[in-house]
Amino acid sequence: MEHKTRTKALSLLLSLAMVLGLMPGMSLTAYAATTTVTWNNDDITGSGNSFSKDGVTITAGSIDFDEKNFE
Protein backbone atom coordinates (compact mmCIF):
# COMPACT_ATOMS: atom_id res chain seq x y z
CA MET A 1 0.00 0.00 0.00
CA GLU A 2 1.34 3.41 -0.94
CA HIS A 3 2.30 5.76 1.93
CA LYS A 4 -0.30 8.41 0.97
CA THR A 5 -3.10 5.80 0.73
CA ARG A 6 -2.03 4.26 4.04
CA THR A 7 -2.06 7.68 5.72
CA LYS A 8 -5.58 8.40 4.40
CA ALA A 9 -6.83 5.02 5.65
CA LEU A 10 -5.30 5.58 9.08
CA SER A 11 -6.75 9.08 9.24
CA LEU A 12 -10.20 7.75 8.35
CA LEU A 13 -9.95 5.03 11.00
CA LEU A 14 -8.90 7.50 13.69
CA SER A 15 -11.69 9.91 12.69
CA LEU A 16 -14.23 7.09 12.95
CA ALA A 17 -12.86 6.12 16.36
CA MET A 18 -13.23 9.70 17.60
CA VAL A 19 -16.80 9.92 16.29
CA LEU A 20 -17.65 6.69 18.14
CA GLY A 21 -15.91 7.99 21.27
CA LEU A 22 -13.16 5.40 21.14
CA MET A 23 -9.51 5.96 21.84
CA PRO A 24 -6.64 3.66 20.89
CA GLY A 25 -6.68 0.54 23.06
CA MET A 26 -10.45 0.69 23.63
CA SER A 27 -12.93 -1.65 21.97
CA LEU A 28 -16.53 -1.44 20.83
CA THR A 29 -18.79 -4.13 22.27
CA ALA A 30 -21.98 -5.28 20.56
CA TYR A 31 -24.81 -6.89 22.49
CA ALA A 32 -27.38 -9.34 21.19
CA ALA A 33 -31.09 -8.71 21.58
CA THR A 34 -32.68 -10.05 24.74
CA THR A 35 -34.33 -13.46 24.34
CA THR A 36 -36.97 -14.58 26.81
CA VAL A 37 -37.85 -18.26 27.16
CA THR A 38 -40.48 -19.55 29.57
CA TRP A 39 -39.18 -22.78 31.10
CA ASN A 40 -41.48 -25.45 32.47
CA ASN A 41 -40.56 -28.59 34.42
CA ASP A 42 -41.25 -30.75 31.34
CA ASP A 43 -38.75 -28.70 29.29
CA ILE A 44 -35.84 -30.10 31.33
CA THR A 45 -35.22 -33.34 29.43
CA GLY A 46 -32.28 -35.21 27.99
CA SER A 47 -28.93 -36.33 29.27
CA GLY A 48 -25.49 -34.86 29.74
CA ASN A 49 -25.02 -31.34 31.06
CA SER A 50 -27.33 -29.17 28.93
CA PHE A 51 -30.85 -28.79 27.61
CA SER A 52 -32.43 -26.44 25.07
CA LYS A 53 -35.70 -24.73 24.23
CA ASP A 54 -36.53 -22.17 21.53
CA GLY A 55 -32.89 -21.88 20.49
CA VAL A 56 -31.63 -21.18 24.03
CA THR A 57 -29.35 -23.74 25.69
CA ILE A 58 -28.70 -23.97 29.41
CA THR A 59 -25.43 -25.69 30.26
CA ALA A 60 -24.54 -26.61 33.84
CA GLY A 61 -21.79 -28.45 35.64
CA SER A 62 -24.24 -31.12 36.74
CA ILE A 63 -27.84 -31.90 35.75
CA ASP A 64 -29.97 -34.57 37.39
CA PHE A 65 -32.60 -35.12 34.69
CA ASP A 66 -34.54 -37.56 36.86
CA GLU A 67 -34.96 -34.98 39.64
CA LYS A 68 -34.90 -31.98 37.24
CA ASN A 69 -32.19 -30.22 39.21
CA PHE A 70 -29.17 -28.47 37.78
CA GLU A 71 -26.26 -26.50 39.16
PDB file of N, CA and C in Angstrom:
ATOM      1  N   MET A   1       0.846  -1.167   0.000  1.00  0.00           N
ATOM      2  CA  MET A   1       0.000   0.000   0.000  1.00  0.00           C
ATOM      3  C   MET A   1       0.897   1.238   0.000  1.00  0.00           C
ATOM      4  N   GLU A   2       0.581   2.178  -0.829  1.00  0.00           N
ATOM      5  CA  GLU A   2       1.338   3.415  -0.944  1.00  0.00           C
ATOM      6  C   GLU A   2       1.215   4.229   0.339  1.00  0.00           C
ATOM      7  N   HIS A   3       2.254   4.983   0.678  1.00  0.00           N
ATOM      8  CA  HIS A   3       2.300   5.758   1.925  1.00  0.00           C
ATOM      9  C   HIS A   3       1.107   6.722   2.038  1.00  0.00           C
ATOM     10  N   LYS A   4       0.797   7.433   0.940  1.00  0.00           N
ATOM     11  CA  LYS A   4      -0.302   8.407   0.966  1.00  0.00           C
ATOM     12  C   LYS A   4      -1.649   7.704   1.202  1.00  0.00           C
ATOM     13  N   THR A   5      -1.862   6.578   0.565  1.00  0.00           N
ATOM     14  CA  THR A   5      -3.098   5.801   0.732  1.00  0.00           C
ATOM     15  C   THR A   5      -3.193   5.259   2.153  1.00  0.00           C
ATOM     16  N   ARG A   6      -2.075   4.779   2.680  1.00  0.00           N
ATOM     17  CA  ARG A   6      -2.032   4.256   4.038  1.00  0.00           C
ATOM     18  C   ARG A   6      -2.353   5.356   5.058  1.00  0.00           C
ATOM     19  N   THR A   7      -1.817   6.548   4.822  1.00  0.00           N
ATOM     20  CA  THR A   7      -2.059   7.682   5.718  1.00  0.00           C
ATOM     21  C   THR A   7      -3.526   8.079   5.695  1.00  0.00           C
ATOM     22  N   LYS A   8      -4.153   8.076   4.511  1.00  0.00           N
ATOM     23  CA  LYS A   8      -5.575   8.401   4.404  1.00  0.00           C
ATOM     24  C   LYS A   8      -6.430   7.360   5.132  1.00  0.00           C
ATOM     25  N   ALA A   9      -6.078   6.089   4.985  1.00  0.00           N
ATOM     26  CA  ALA A   9      -6.830   5.021   5.648  1.00  0.00           C
ATOM     27  C   ALA A   9      -6.709   5.139   7.162  1.00  0.00           C
ATOM     28  N   LEU A  10      -5.500   5.412   7.646  1.00  0.00           N
ATOM     29  CA  LEU A  10      -5.297   5.579   9.081  1.00  0.00           C
ATOM     30  C   LEU A  10      -6.047   6.795   9.599  1.00  0.00           C
ATOM     31  N   SER A  11      -6.028   7.860   8.859  1.00  0.00           N
ATOM     32  CA  SER A  11      -6.750   9.079   9.240  1.00  0.00           C
ATOM     33  C   SER A  11      -8.251   8.817   9.323  1.00  0.00           C
ATOM     34  N   LEU A  12      -8.776   8.089   8.343  1.00  0.00           N
ATOM     35  CA  LEU A  12     -10.200   7.754   8.345  1.00  0.00           C
ATOM     36  C   LEU A  12     -10.555   6.881   9.547  1.00  0.00           C
ATOM     37  N   LEU A  13      -9.716   5.896   9.846  1.00  0.00           N
ATOM     38  CA  LEU A  13      -9.946   5.027  11.000  1.00  0.00           C
ATOM     39  C   LEU A  13      -9.936   5.813  12.313  1.00  0.00           C
ATOM     40  N   LEU A  14      -8.980   6.701  12.469  1.00  0.00           N
ATOM     41  CA  LEU A  14      -8.899   7.503  13.685  1.00  0.00           C
ATOM     42  C   LEU A  14     -10.085   8.461  13.801  1.00  0.00           C
ATOM     43  N   SER A  15     -10.515   9.032  12.680  1.00  0.00           N
ATOM     44  CA  SER A  15     -11.688   9.908  12.695  1.00  0.00           C
ATOM     45  C   SER A  15     -12.930   9.137  13.113  1.00  0.00           C
ATOM     46  N   LEU A  16     -13.098   7.937  12.582  1.00  0.00           N
ATOM     47  CA  LEU A  16     -14.230   7.093  12.948  1.00  0.00           C
ATOM     48  C   LEU A  16     -14.193   6.748  14.431  1.00  0.00           C
ATOM     49  N   ALA A  17     -13.005   6.440  14.938  1.00  0.00           N
ATOM     50  CA  ALA A  17     -12.863   6.116  16.359  1.00  0.00           C
ATOM     51  C   ALA A  17     -13.256   7.309  17.227  1.00  0.00           C
ATOM     52  N   MET A  18     -12.873   8.509  16.822  1.00  0.00           N
ATOM     53  CA  MET A  18     -13.232   9.698  17.603  1.00  0.00           C
ATOM     54  C   MET A  18     -14.737   9.947  17.566  1.00  0.00           C
ATOM     55  N   VAL A  19     -15.362   9.734  16.406  1.00  0.00           N
ATOM     56  CA  VAL A  19     -16.804   9.916  16.287  1.00  0.00           C
ATOM     57  C   VAL A  19     -17.527   8.930  17.202  1.00  0.00           C
ATOM     58  N   LEU A  20     -17.038   7.708  17.284  1.00  0.00           N
ATOM     59  CA  LEU A  20     -17.646   6.692  18.135  1.00  0.00           C
ATOM     60  C   LEU A  20     -17.254   6.855  19.606  1.00  0.00           C
ATOM     61  N   GLY A  21     -16.347   7.775  19.899  1.00  0.00           N
ATOM     62  CA  GLY A  21     -15.914   7.990  21.269  1.00  0.00           C
ATOM     63  C   GLY A  21     -14.870   7.000  21.735  1.00  0.00           C
ATOM     64  N   LEU A  22     -14.178   6.389  20.796  1.00  0.00           N
ATOM     65  CA  LEU A  22     -13.164   5.400  21.141  1.00  0.00           C
ATOM     66  C   LEU A  22     -11.775   6.015  21.048  1.00  0.00           C
ATOM     67  N   MET A  23     -10.913   5.560  21.890  1.00  0.00           N
ATOM     68  CA  MET A  23      -9.513   5.964  21.836  1.00  0.00           C
ATOM     69  C   MET A  23      -8.693   4.700  21.581  1.00  0.00           C
ATOM     70  N   PRO A  24      -7.464   4.856  21.118  1.00  0.00           N
ATOM     71  CA  PRO A  24      -6.640   3.661  20.886  1.00  0.00           C
ATOM     72  C   PRO A  24      -6.571   2.774  22.131  1.00  0.00           C
ATOM     73  N   GLY A  25      -6.706   1.490  21.950  1.00  0.00           N
ATOM     74  CA  GLY A  25      -6.683   0.542  23.059  1.00  0.00           C
ATOM     75  C   GLY A  25      -8.061   0.208  23.588  1.00  0.00           C
ATOM     76  N   MET A  26      -9.085   0.964  23.183  1.00  0.00           N
ATOM     77  CA  MET A  26     -10.451   0.687  23.626  1.00  0.00           C
ATOM     78  C   MET A  26     -11.132  -0.165  22.567  1.00  0.00           C
ATOM     79  N   SER A  27     -12.213  -0.832  22.946  1.00  0.00           N
ATOM     80  CA  SER A  27     -12.931  -1.653  21.975  1.00  0.00           C
ATOM     81  C   SER A  27     -14.418  -1.339  22.019  1.00  0.00           C
ATOM     82  N   LEU A  28     -15.094  -1.648  20.953  1.00  0.00           N
ATOM     83  CA  LEU A  28     -16.528  -1.441  20.830  1.00  0.00           C
ATOM     84  C   LEU A  28     -17.204  -2.791  21.022  1.00  0.00           C
ATOM     85  N   THR A  29     -18.119  -2.878  21.973  1.00  0.00           N
ATOM     86  CA  THR A  29     -18.790  -4.133  22.272  1.00  0.00           C
ATOM     87  C   THR A  29     -20.218  -4.095  21.731  1.00  0.00           C
ATOM     88  N   ALA A  30     -20.613  -5.154  21.060  1.00  0.00           N
ATOM     89  CA  ALA A  30     -21.977  -5.276  20.557  1.00  0.00           C
ATOM     90  C   ALA A  30     -22.729  -6.272  21.425  1.00  0.00           C
ATOM     91  N   TYR A  31     -23.988  -6.007  21.676  1.00  0.00           N
ATOM     92  CA  TYR A  31     -24.807  -6.890  22.485  1.00  0.00           C
ATOM     93  C   TYR A  31     -25.956  -7.443  21.648  1.00  0.00           C
ATOM     94  N   ALA A  32     -26.274  -8.707  21.893  1.00  0.00           N
ATOM     95  CA  ALA A  32     -27.383  -9.343  21.188  1.00  0.00           C
ATOM     96  C   ALA A  32     -28.698  -8.906  21.818  1.00  0.00           C
ATOM     97  N   ALA A  33     -29.764  -9.025  21.065  1.00  0.00           N
ATOM     98  CA  ALA A  33     -31.086  -8.709  21.582  1.00  0.00           C
ATOM     99  C   ALA A  33     -31.447  -9.675  22.709  1.00  0.00           C
ATOM    100  N   THR A  34     -32.254  -9.213  23.632  1.00  0.00           N
ATOM    101  CA  THR A  34     -32.683 -10.055  24.743  1.00  0.00           C
ATOM    102  C   THR A  34     -33.648 -11.120  24.240  1.00  0.00           C
ATOM    103  N   THR A  35     -33.439 -12.352  24.677  1.00  0.00           N
ATOM    104  CA  THR A  35     -34.327 -13.462  24.338  1.00  0.00           C
ATOM    105  C   THR A  35     -34.955 -13.979  25.619  1.00  0.00           C
ATOM    106  N   THR A  36     -36.275 -14.072  25.635  1.00  0.00           N
ATOM    107  CA  THR A  36     -36.972 -14.577  26.809  1.00  0.00           C
ATOM    108  C   THR A  36     -37.578 -15.937  26.476  1.00  0.00           C
ATOM    109  N   VAL A  37     -37.296 -16.913  27.320  1.00  0.00           N
ATOM    110  CA  VAL A  37     -37.853 -18.257  27.156  1.00  0.00           C
ATOM    111  C   VAL A  37     -38.530 -18.629  28.459  1.00  0.00           C
ATOM    112  N   THR A  38     -39.768 -19.086  28.380  1.00  0.00           N
ATOM    113  CA  THR A  38     -40.484 -19.547  29.567  1.00  0.00           C
ATOM    114  C   THR A  38     -40.211 -21.036  29.727  1.00  0.00           C
ATOM    115  N   TRP A  39     -39.556 -21.387  30.850  1.00  0.00           N
ATOM    116  CA  TRP A  39     -39.179 -22.779  31.098  1.00  0.00           C
ATOM    117  C   TRP A  39     -40.211 -23.431  31.994  1.00  0.00           C
ATOM    118  N   ASN A  40     -40.575 -24.634  31.653  1.00  0.00           N
ATOM    119  CA  ASN A  40     -41.478 -25.454  32.466  1.00  0.00           C
ATOM    120  C   ASN A  40     -40.714 -26.706  32.896  1.00  0.00           C
ATOM    121  N   ASN A  41     -41.196 -27.378  33.916  1.00  0.00           N
ATOM    122  CA  ASN A  41     -40.557 -28.593  34.417  1.00  0.00           C
ATOM    123  C   ASN A  41     -40.358 -29.625  33.308  1.00  0.00           C
ATOM    124  N   ASP A  42     -41.341 -29.753  32.419  1.00  0.00           N
ATOM    125  CA  ASP A  42     -41.252 -30.752  31.344  1.00  0.00           C
ATOM    126  C   ASP A  42     -40.237 -30.374  30.260  1.00  0.00           C
ATOM    127  N   ASP A  43     -39.746 -29.120  30.267  1.00  0.00           N
ATOM    128  CA  ASP A  43     -38.749 -28.699  29.288  1.00  0.00           C
ATOM    129  C   ASP A  43     -37.360 -29.218  29.628  1.00  0.00           C
ATOM    130  N   ILE A  44     -37.151 -29.640  30.874  1.00  0.00           N
ATOM    131  CA  ILE A  44     -35.838 -30.102  31.327  1.00  0.00           C
ATOM    132  C   ILE A  44     -35.758 -31.599  31.053  1.00  0.00           C
ATOM    133  N   THR A  45     -35.296 -31.935  29.844  1.00  0.00           N
ATOM    134  CA  THR A  45     -35.220 -33.336  29.428  1.00  0.00           C
ATOM    135  C   THR A  45     -33.871 -33.596  28.774  1.00  0.00           C
ATOM    136  N   GLY A  46     -33.489 -34.834  28.710  1.00  0.00           N
ATOM    137  CA  GLY A  46     -32.283 -35.209  27.995  1.00  0.00           C
ATOM    138  C   GLY A  46     -31.286 -35.905  28.878  1.00  0.00           C
ATOM    139  N   SER A  47     -30.025 -35.746  28.503  1.00  0.00           N
ATOM    140  CA  SER A  47     -28.929 -36.329  29.270  1.00  0.00           C
ATOM    141  C   SER A  47     -27.711 -35.455  29.060  1.00  0.00           C
ATOM    142  N   GLY A  48     -26.695 -35.657  29.867  1.00  0.00           N
ATOM    143  CA  GLY A  48     -25.491 -34.856  29.740  1.00  0.00           C
ATOM    144  C   GLY A  48     -25.529 -33.666  30.676  1.00  0.00           C
ATOM    145  N   ASN A  49     -25.063 -32.500  30.188  1.00  0.00           N
ATOM    146  CA  ASN A  49     -25.023 -31.340  31.064  1.00  0.00           C
ATOM    147  C   ASN A  49     -25.718 -30.117  30.473  1.00  0.00           C
ATOM    148  N   SER A  50     -26.611 -30.313  29.491  1.00  0.00           N
ATOM    149  CA  SER A  50     -27.325 -29.171  28.935  1.00  0.00           C
ATOM    150  C   SER A  50     -28.684 -29.582  28.389  1.00  0.00           C
ATOM    151  N   PHE A  51     -29.562 -28.586  28.261  1.00  0.00           N
ATOM    152  CA  PHE A  51     -30.848 -28.788  27.615  1.00  0.00           C
ATOM    153  C   PHE A  51     -31.235 -27.502  26.923  1.00  0.00           C
ATOM    154  N   SER A  52     -32.107 -27.591  25.913  1.00  0.00           N
ATOM    155  CA  SER A  52     -32.432 -26.438  25.073  1.00  0.00           C
ATOM    156  C   SER A  52     -33.925 -26.280  24.885  1.00  0.00           C
ATOM    157  N   LYS A  53     -34.321 -25.028  24.610  1.00  0.00           N
ATOM    158  CA  LYS A  53     -35.698 -24.729  24.232  1.00  0.00           C
ATOM    159  C   LYS A  53     -35.679 -23.418  23.455  1.00  0.00           C
ATOM    160  N   ASP A  54     -36.394 -23.380  22.353  1.00  0.00           N
ATOM    161  CA  ASP A  54     -36.529 -22.173  21.530  1.00  0.00           C
ATOM    162  C   ASP A  54     -35.178 -21.544  21.178  1.00  0.00           C
ATOM    163  N   GLY A  55     -34.191 -22.379  20.902  1.00  0.00           N
ATOM    164  CA  GLY A  55     -32.893 -21.880  20.494  1.00  0.00           C
ATOM    165  C   GLY A  55     -31.995 -21.406  21.631  1.00  0.00           C
ATOM    166  N   VAL A  56     -32.435 -21.560  22.881  1.00  0.00           N
ATOM    167  CA  VAL A  56     -31.628 -21.176  24.034  1.00  0.00           C
ATOM    168  C   VAL A  56     -31.185 -22.453  24.740  1.00  0.00           C
ATOM    169  N   THR A  57     -29.896 -22.567  25.018  1.00  0.00           N
ATOM    170  CA  THR A  57     -29.354 -23.744  25.689  1.00  0.00           C
ATOM    171  C   THR A  57     -28.846 -23.360  27.062  1.00  0.00           C
ATOM    172  N   ILE A  58     -29.227 -24.130  28.058  1.00  0.00           N
ATOM    173  CA  ILE A  58     -28.701 -23.973  29.406  1.00  0.00           C
ATOM    174  C   ILE A  58     -27.701 -25.098  29.622  1.00  0.00           C
ATOM    175  N   THR A  59     -26.481 -24.725  29.993  1.00  0.00           N
ATOM    176  CA  THR A  59     -25.427 -25.692  30.262  1.00  0.00           C
ATOM    177  C   THR A  59     -25.013 -25.532  31.716  1.00  0.00           C
ATOM    178  N   ALA A  60     -24.906 -26.636  32.426  1.00  0.00           N
ATOM    179  CA  ALA A  60     -24.539 -26.608  33.841  1.00  0.00           C
ATOM    180  C   ALA A  60     -23.446 -27.623  34.102  1.00  0.00           C
ATOM    181  N   GLY A  61     -22.821 -27.500  35.261  1.00  0.00           N
ATOM    182  CA  GLY A  61     -21.794 -28.449  35.638  1.00  0.00           C
ATOM    183  C   GLY A  61     -22.383 -29.820  35.879  1.00  0.00           C
ATOM    184  N   SER A  62     -23.599 -29.852  36.415  1.00  0.00           N
ATOM    185  CA  SER A  62     -24.241 -31.123  36.737  1.00  0.00           C
ATOM    186  C   SER A  62     -25.749 -30.967  36.586  1.00  0.00           C
ATOM    187  N   ILE A  63     -26.386 -31.900  35.884  1.00  0.00           N
ATOM    188  CA  ILE A  63     -27.843 -31.901  35.752  1.00  0.00           C
ATOM    189  C   ILE A  63     -28.351 -33.282  36.119  1.00  0.00           C
ATOM    190  N   ASP A  64     -29.293 -33.317  37.032  1.00  0.00           N
ATOM    191  CA  ASP A  64     -29.975 -34.569  37.385  1.00  0.00           C
ATOM    192  C   ASP A  64     -31.315 -34.538  36.672  1.00  0.00           C
ATOM    193  N   PHE A  65     -31.387 -35.177  35.490  1.00  0.00           N
ATOM    194  CA  PHE A  65     -32.595 -35.115  34.689  1.00  0.00           C
ATOM    195  C   PHE A  65     -33.757 -35.863  35.339  1.00  0.00           C
ATOM    196  N   ASP A  66     -33.458 -36.850  36.179  1.00  0.00           N
ATOM    197  CA  ASP A  66     -34.538 -37.564  36.863  1.00  0.00           C
ATOM    198  C   ASP A  66     -35.217 -36.674  37.898  1.00  0.00           C
ATOM    199  N   GLU A  67     -34.419 -35.872  38.612  1.00  0.00           N
ATOM    200  CA  GLU A  67     -34.957 -34.976  39.641  1.00  0.00           C
ATOM    201  C   GLU A  67     -35.209 -33.572  39.112  1.00  0.00           C
ATOM    202  N   LYS A  68     -34.766 -33.274  37.883  1.00  0.00           N
ATOM    203  CA  LYS A  68     -34.901 -31.975  37.240  1.00  0.00           C
ATOM    204  C   LYS A  68     -34.220 -30.877  38.029  1.00  0.00           C
ATOM    205  N   ASN A  69     -33.027 -31.178  38.504  1.00  0.00           N
ATOM    206  CA  ASN A  69     -32.193 -30.221  39.209  1.00  0.00           C
ATOM    207  C   ASN A  69     -30.934 -29.963  38.390  1.00  0.00           C
ATOM    208  N   PHE A  70     -30.447 -28.754  38.423  1.00  0.00           N
ATOM    209  CA  PHE A  70     -29.167 -28.472  37.780  1.00  0.00           C
ATOM    210  C   PHE A  70     -28.426 -27.414  38.568  1.00  0.00           C
ATOM    211  N   GLU A  71     -27.107 -27.464  38.458  1.00  0.00           N
ATOM    212  CA  GLU A  71     -26.259 -26.496  39.161  1.00  0.00           C
ATOM    213  C   GLU A  71     -25.100 -26.095  38.285  1.00  0.00           C
TER     214      GLU A  71
END
